[in-house]
Amino acid sequence: IAIQRRQGLWSLPQYQPIPVAKLDGTERGYHIITGQVRRVKESRSSIWIQLEANVTLRIQRSDLPYFKEMNLDKLAGETVQARGWLSLRNNELRMQLRHQVDLQISGTIPGN
C-alpha cells in the first residue's frame, strides 16, 4: 500500500519510476523503470525482455517458478514497470529480475 500511495521512502525522488527513454546509460544501482516491451527472447539460461531505449530485463530460468502467474511470452507491446539493480553490460543497461513483484504490467502499475 505504501508503494501505491507513494508514502515513506517511496515518496523520495530516487524511488520514483523513470521512463527508460530518459535514461542516459550512466545509471547504476537500484532503480524503478518503466518502458514498452519490444520483444521477448529466450536463451538456454534466461528469458530476455527487451525494452525500448536499449534496456533489457533478464529472468534466469532458475527463477521462472517465481513468475508462474505471468505470461511472459505475451509481453511484447505492453508497458511494464521493473524494479531492481541496473548495470551496464555489452553496451546496454540490464536489470535482473528475481520475482514477479519486480515486474508489473501496465494494467497493474499503481497510478495507471
Protein backbone atom coordinates (compact mmCIF):
# COMPACT_ATOMS: atom_id res chain seq x y z
CA ILE A 1 0.00 0.00 0.00
CA ALA A 2 2.88 2.41 0.77
CA ILE A 3 4.20 1.98 -2.78
CA GLN A 4 0.80 2.70 -4.31
CA ARG A 5 0.34 5.79 -2.12
CA ARG A 6 4.00 6.80 -2.54
CA GLN A 7 4.44 7.09 1.22
CA GLY A 8 7.60 6.94 3.29
CA LEU A 9 10.73 6.14 1.31
CA TRP A 10 8.54 5.54 -1.78
CA SER A 11 7.94 9.32 -1.87
CA LEU A 12 11.65 10.04 -2.33
CA PRO A 13 12.80 11.05 -5.84
CA GLN A 14 15.15 8.07 -6.20
CA TYR A 15 12.19 5.71 -5.81
CA GLN A 16 10.01 7.34 -8.48
CA PRO A 17 9.69 5.40 -11.74
CA ILE A 18 11.94 6.64 -14.55
CA PRO A 19 10.88 6.16 -18.20
CA VAL A 20 13.65 4.22 -19.95
CA ALA A 21 13.72 6.89 -22.68
CA LYS A 22 15.11 9.30 -20.05
CA LEU A 23 17.99 7.03 -19.04
CA ASP A 24 21.35 8.19 -20.37
CA GLY A 25 23.24 4.93 -19.83
CA THR A 26 25.21 6.08 -16.80
CA GLU A 27 22.65 4.92 -14.24
CA ARG A 28 23.76 2.20 -11.86
CA GLY A 29 22.27 0.76 -8.71
CA TYR A 30 18.66 0.35 -7.64
CA HIS A 31 16.04 1.97 -9.88
CA ILE A 32 12.38 1.68 -10.79
CA ILE A 33 11.97 1.98 -14.56
CA THR A 34 9.06 1.97 -17.00
CA GLY A 35 9.11 1.20 -20.70
CA GLN A 36 7.47 -0.57 -23.58
CA VAL A 37 8.46 -4.15 -24.33
CA ARG A 38 9.89 -4.52 -27.84
CA ARG A 39 10.32 -8.30 -27.74
CA VAL A 40 10.89 -11.29 -25.51
CA LYS A 41 13.69 -13.73 -26.31
CA GLU A 42 14.82 -16.96 -24.75
CA SER A 43 18.28 -18.37 -24.27
CA ARG A 44 19.42 -21.55 -22.65
CA SER A 45 19.81 -19.84 -19.28
CA SER A 46 17.39 -16.90 -19.32
CA ILE A 47 14.33 -15.06 -20.58
CA TRP A 48 15.31 -11.65 -22.02
CA ILE A 49 12.72 -8.87 -22.10
CA GLN A 50 13.97 -6.14 -24.39
CA LEU A 51 12.57 -2.69 -23.73
CA GLU A 52 12.86 0.43 -25.79
CA ALA A 53 15.99 2.60 -25.40
CA ASN A 54 18.46 -0.30 -25.21
CA VAL A 55 17.33 -1.62 -21.82
CA THR A 56 16.96 -5.34 -21.20
CA LEU A 57 15.36 -7.21 -18.30
CA ARG A 58 16.73 -10.68 -17.52
CA ILE A 59 14.97 -13.52 -15.75
CA GLN A 60 17.12 -16.57 -15.14
CA ARG A 61 15.38 -19.87 -15.84
CA SER A 62 16.04 -20.93 -12.24
CA ASP A 63 13.82 -18.01 -11.16
CA LEU A 64 10.92 -18.79 -13.54
CA PRO A 65 8.87 -20.57 -10.83
CA TYR A 66 8.53 -17.14 -9.17
CA PHE A 67 6.93 -15.79 -12.37
CA LYS A 68 4.47 -18.64 -12.97
CA GLU A 69 1.45 -16.31 -12.74
CA MET A 70 2.80 -14.10 -15.56
CA ASN A 71 2.51 -14.83 -19.26
CA LEU A 72 5.98 -13.56 -20.20
CA ASP A 73 5.80 -14.55 -23.87
CA LYS A 74 2.82 -12.18 -24.35
CA LEU A 75 4.58 -9.03 -23.09
CA ALA A 76 5.58 -7.57 -26.48
CA GLY A 77 3.87 -4.19 -26.89
CA GLU A 78 2.98 -3.90 -23.20
CA THR A 79 4.22 -1.13 -20.94
CA VAL A 80 5.94 -2.53 -17.86
CA GLN A 81 7.45 -1.24 -14.66
CA ALA A 82 10.51 -3.06 -13.31
CA ARG A 83 12.49 -2.56 -10.16
CA GLY A 84 15.96 -3.79 -9.41
CA TRP A 85 19.65 -3.11 -9.94
CA LEU A 86 20.75 -1.55 -13.23
CA SER A 87 24.14 -2.39 -14.66
CA LEU A 88 25.88 -1.84 -17.99
CA ARG A 89 26.73 -4.95 -19.99
CA ASN A 90 27.56 -5.24 -23.69
CA ASN A 91 26.67 -1.59 -24.23
CA GLU A 92 23.14 -1.91 -22.84
CA LEU A 93 21.53 -1.32 -19.48
CA ARG A 94 20.40 -4.56 -17.85
CA MET A 95 18.29 -5.40 -14.87
CA GLN A 96 17.94 -8.87 -13.43
CA LEU A 97 14.50 -9.70 -12.05
CA ARG A 98 14.22 -12.38 -9.38
CA HIS A 99 10.49 -12.40 -8.53
CA GLN A 100 7.20 -11.35 -10.11
CA VAL A 101 6.90 -8.45 -7.64
CA ASP A 102 9.81 -6.88 -9.54
CA LEU A 103 7.76 -6.66 -12.75
CA GLN A 104 4.36 -5.05 -13.23
CA ILE A 105 2.39 -4.90 -16.47
CA SER A 106 0.65 -1.63 -17.49
CA GLY A 107 -2.76 -2.53 -16.05
CA THR A 108 -1.23 -3.41 -12.67
CA ILE A 109 1.11 -0.41 -12.23
CA PRO A 110 -0.02 1.78 -9.32
CA GLY A 111 -1.31 5.12 -10.54
CA ASN A 112 -2.12 3.84 -14.06
